[in-house]
Amino acid sequence: MSSLPVQFAGVTVVTKANVYFDGNVVSHTVLFTDAAKKTLGLIRPGSYYFGTAAAERMEIVAGECVVTQKDSKESKTYGAGTYFDVPANSGFTIAVSSGLCEYICSFLP
């Protein structure tokens, strides 16, 4: 379990949304003074594949999703307060069956 923040102070938010899959996945980029970068977003019901260039940590803020890492046949369910890591140059399929899944994506060093 992770301890999810409820807000970020002293950041810059990019106002242009990152829109994927015809608007079914939408996020906004948050830039920190220490050069860290995160995105805050939501996922509507459906199944979506994301490739990764950088390593990422996906923290689930609300809702639930099922994740299958690239090259894996095993799927795992994640709910609010949980997270999963994705290696660089990899990818994952994330599926939401109902409602919205809200997340924080941290780009790892």
C-alpha atoms as a PDB file:
ATOM      1  CA  MET A   1       0.000   0.000   0.000  1.00  0.00           C
ATOM      2  CA  SER A   2       1.146   3.512  -0.702  1.00  0.00           C
ATOM      3  CA  SER A   3       0.351   6.675   1.185  1.00  0.00           C
ATOM      4  CA  LEU A   4      -1.220   8.788  -1.524  1.00  0.00           C
ATOM      5  CA  PRO A   5      -0.891  12.563  -1.373  1.00  0.00           C
ATOM      6  CA  VAL A   6      -4.099  14.585  -1.442  1.00  0.00           C
ATOM      7  CA  GLN A   7      -2.401  17.613  -2.995  1.00  0.00           C
ATOM      8  CA  PHE A   8       0.928  18.835  -4.369  1.00  0.00           C
ATOM      9  CA  ALA A   9       2.296  22.246  -3.356  1.00  0.00           C
ATOM     10  CA  GLY A  10       4.696  24.472  -5.299  1.00  0.00           C
ATOM     11  CA  VAL A  11       4.243  22.804  -8.687  1.00  0.00           C
ATOM     12  CA  THR A  12       3.603  23.820 -12.263  1.00  0.00           C
ATOM     13  CA  VAL A  13       0.633  22.226 -14.007  1.00  0.00           C
ATOM     14  CA  VAL A  14       0.545  21.980 -17.790  1.00  0.00           C
ATOM     15  CA  THR A  15      -2.950  23.068 -18.777  1.00  0.00           C
ATOM     16  CA  LYS A  16      -3.079  21.168 -22.087  1.00  0.00           C
ATOM     17  CA  ALA A  17      -4.474  17.703 -21.363  1.00  0.00           C
ATOM     18  CA  ASN A  18      -2.860  14.471 -22.505  1.00  0.00           C
ATOM     19  CA  VAL A  19      -5.763  12.748 -24.276  1.00  0.00           C
ATOM     20  CA  TYR A  20      -5.617   9.079 -25.307  1.00  0.00           C
ATOM     21  CA  PHE A  21      -8.042   6.565 -26.800  1.00  0.00           C
ATOM     22  CA  ASP A  22     -10.650   9.088 -28.000  1.00  0.00           C
ATOM     23  CA  GLY A  23     -10.796  10.784 -24.602  1.00  0.00           C
ATOM     24  CA  ASN A  24     -11.209   7.609 -22.541  1.00  0.00           C
ATOM     25  CA  VAL A  25      -7.886   8.263 -20.787  1.00  0.00           C
ATOM     26  CA  VAL A  26      -7.048  11.859 -19.873  1.00  0.00           C
ATOM     27  CA  SER A  27      -4.240  13.266 -17.734  1.00  0.00           C
ATOM     28  CA  HIS A  28      -2.466  16.505 -16.896  1.00  0.00           C
ATOM     29  CA  THR A  29       1.279  16.854 -16.395  1.00  0.00           C
ATOM     30  CA  VAL A  30       2.598  18.165 -13.078  1.00  0.00           C
ATOM     31  CA  LEU A  31       6.184  19.496 -12.932  1.00  0.00           C
ATOM     32  CA  PHE A  32       8.058  19.766  -9.630  1.00  0.00           C
ATOM     33  CA  THR A  33      10.862  22.166  -8.691  1.00  0.00           C
ATOM     34  CA  ASP A  34      13.274  19.207  -8.283  1.00  0.00           C
ATOM     35  CA  ALA A  35      12.641  18.268 -11.969  1.00  0.00           C
ATOM     36  CA  ALA A  36      10.341  15.372 -11.041  1.00  0.00           C
ATOM     37  CA  LYS A  37       7.388  14.826 -13.362  1.00  0.00           C
ATOM     38  CA  LYS A  38       4.024  13.196 -12.713  1.00  0.00           C
ATOM     39  CA  THR A  39       0.740  12.946 -14.486  1.00  0.00           C
ATOM     40  CA  LEU A  40      -2.666  12.959 -12.792  1.00  0.00           C
ATOM     41  CA  GLY A  41      -5.438  11.331 -14.712  1.00  0.00           C
ATOM     42  CA  LEU A  42      -8.500   9.208 -15.059  1.00  0.00           C
ATOM     43  CA  ILE A  43      -9.438   6.165 -17.093  1.00  0.00           C
ATOM     44  CA  ARG A  44     -12.950   5.395 -18.286  1.00  0.00           C
ATOM     45  CA  PRO A  45     -14.176   1.809 -18.720  1.00  0.00           C
ATOM     46  CA  GLY A  46     -12.318  -0.147 -21.389  1.00  0.00           C
ATOM     47  CA  SER A  47      -8.972  -1.819 -21.989  1.00  0.00           C
ATOM     48  CA  TYR A  48      -5.933   0.208 -23.056  1.00  0.00           C
ATOM     49  CA  TYR A  49      -2.291  -0.581 -23.829  1.00  0.00           C
ATOM     50  CA  PHE A  50       0.468   1.899 -22.921  1.00  0.00           C
ATOM     51  CA  GLY A  51       4.103   1.595 -23.923  1.00  0.00           C
ATOM     52  CA  THR A  52       6.707   3.081 -21.600  1.00  0.00           C
ATOM     53  CA  ALA A  53       9.947   4.853 -22.464  1.00  0.00           C
ATOM     54  CA  ALA A  54      10.805   5.719 -18.837  1.00  0.00           C
ATOM     55  CA  ALA A  55      10.124   3.572 -15.783  1.00  0.00           C
ATOM     56  CA  GLU A  56       6.815   4.491 -14.133  1.00  0.00           C
ATOM     57  CA  ARG A  57       4.925   4.014 -10.897  1.00  0.00           C
ATOM     58  CA  MET A  58       1.138   4.034 -11.244  1.00  0.00           C
ATOM     59  CA  GLU A  59      -0.657   4.816  -7.986  1.00  0.00           C
ATOM     60  CA  ILE A  60      -4.403   4.237  -7.945  1.00  0.00           C
ATOM     61  CA  VAL A  61      -6.228   7.109  -6.234  1.00  0.00           C
ATOM     62  CA  ALA A  62      -9.817   5.895  -6.734  1.00  0.00           C
ATOM     63  CA  GLY A  63     -11.623   3.109  -8.538  1.00  0.00           C
ATOM     64  CA  GLU A  64     -10.190  -0.205  -9.651  1.00  0.00           C
ATOM     65  CA  CYS A  65      -8.257  -1.587 -12.597  1.00  0.00           C
ATOM     66  CA  VAL A  66      -6.800  -4.841 -13.851  1.00  0.00           C
ATOM     67  CA  VAL A  67      -3.223  -4.653 -15.144  1.00  0.00           C
ATOM     68  CA  THR A  68      -1.241  -7.041 -17.316  1.00  0.00           C
ATOM     69  CA  GLN A  69       2.431  -6.208 -17.751  1.00  0.00           C
ATOM     70  CA  LYS A  70       3.991  -6.593 -21.200  1.00  0.00           C
ATOM     71  CA  ASP A  71       5.205 -10.157 -21.854  1.00  0.00           C
ATOM     72  CA  SER A  72       3.191 -11.486 -18.893  1.00  0.00           C
ATOM     73  CA  LYS A  73       0.085 -13.644 -18.937  1.00  0.00           C
ATOM     74  CA  GLU A  74      -0.720 -12.808 -15.308  1.00  0.00           C
ATOM     75  CA  SER A  75      -3.202 -10.029 -14.536  1.00  0.00           C
ATOM     76  CA  LYS A  76      -3.510  -8.307 -11.186  1.00  0.00           C
ATOM     77  CA  THR A  77      -6.252  -6.108  -9.749  1.00  0.00           C
ATOM     78  CA  TYR A  78      -5.360  -2.763  -8.152  1.00  0.00           C
ATOM     79  CA  GLY A  79      -7.663  -0.565  -6.095  1.00  0.00           C
ATOM     80  CA  ALA A  80      -7.422   2.776  -4.322  1.00  0.00           C
ATOM     81  CA  GLY A  81      -4.237   3.103  -2.280  1.00  0.00           C
ATOM     82  CA  THR A  82      -2.264   0.514  -4.260  1.00  0.00           C
ATOM     83  CA  TYR A  83       0.357   0.879  -6.972  1.00  0.00           C
ATOM     84  CA  PHE A  84       2.311  -0.981  -9.604  1.00  0.00           C
ATOM     85  CA  ASP A  85       5.660  -0.283 -11.261  1.00  0.00           C
ATOM     86  CA  VAL A  86       6.416  -0.605 -14.967  1.00  0.00           C
ATOM     87  CA  PRO A  87       9.989  -0.913 -16.258  1.00  0.00           C
ATOM     88  CA  ALA A  88      11.418   1.439 -18.874  1.00  0.00           C
ATOM     89  CA  ASN A  89      11.032   0.374 -22.502  1.00  0.00           C
ATOM     90  CA  SER A  90       8.141  -1.909 -21.627  1.00  0.00           C
ATOM     91  CA  GLY A  91       4.389  -1.505 -21.384  1.00  0.00           C
ATOM     92  CA  PHE A  92       1.151  -2.643 -19.794  1.00  0.00           C
ATOM     93  CA  THR A  93      -2.521  -3.164 -20.511  1.00  0.00           C
ATOM     94  CA  ILE A  94      -4.860  -1.495 -18.047  1.00  0.00           C
ATOM     95  CA  ALA A  95      -8.556  -2.379 -17.966  1.00  0.00           C
ATOM     96  CA  VAL A  96     -11.378  -0.678 -16.085  1.00  0.00           C
ATOM     97  CA  SER A  97     -14.679  -2.527 -15.932  1.00  0.00           C
ATOM     98  CA  SER A  98     -16.905   0.219 -14.509  1.00  0.00           C
ATOM     99  CA  GLY A  99     -16.794   3.741 -13.141  1.00  0.00           C
ATOM    100  CA  LEU A 100     -13.587   5.750 -13.281  1.00  0.00           C
ATOM    101  CA  CYS A 101     -10.074   4.817 -12.250  1.00  0.00           C
ATOM    102  CA  GLU A 102      -8.079   7.834 -11.031  1.00  0.00           C
ATOM    103  CA  TYR A 103      -4.294   7.647 -10.920  1.00  0.00           C
ATOM    104  CA  ILE A 104      -0.983   9.372 -10.280  1.00  0.00           C
ATOM    105  CA  CYS A 105       1.777   8.335 -12.684  1.00  0.00           C
ATOM    106  CA  SER A 106       5.313   9.091 -11.456  1.00  0.00           C
ATOM    107  CA  PHE A 107       8.181   8.925 -13.917  1.00  0.00           C
ATOM    108  CA  LEU A 108      11.015   7.148 -12.110  1.00  0.00           C
ATOM    109  CA  PRO A 109      14.739   7.875 -12.470  1.00  0.00           C
END
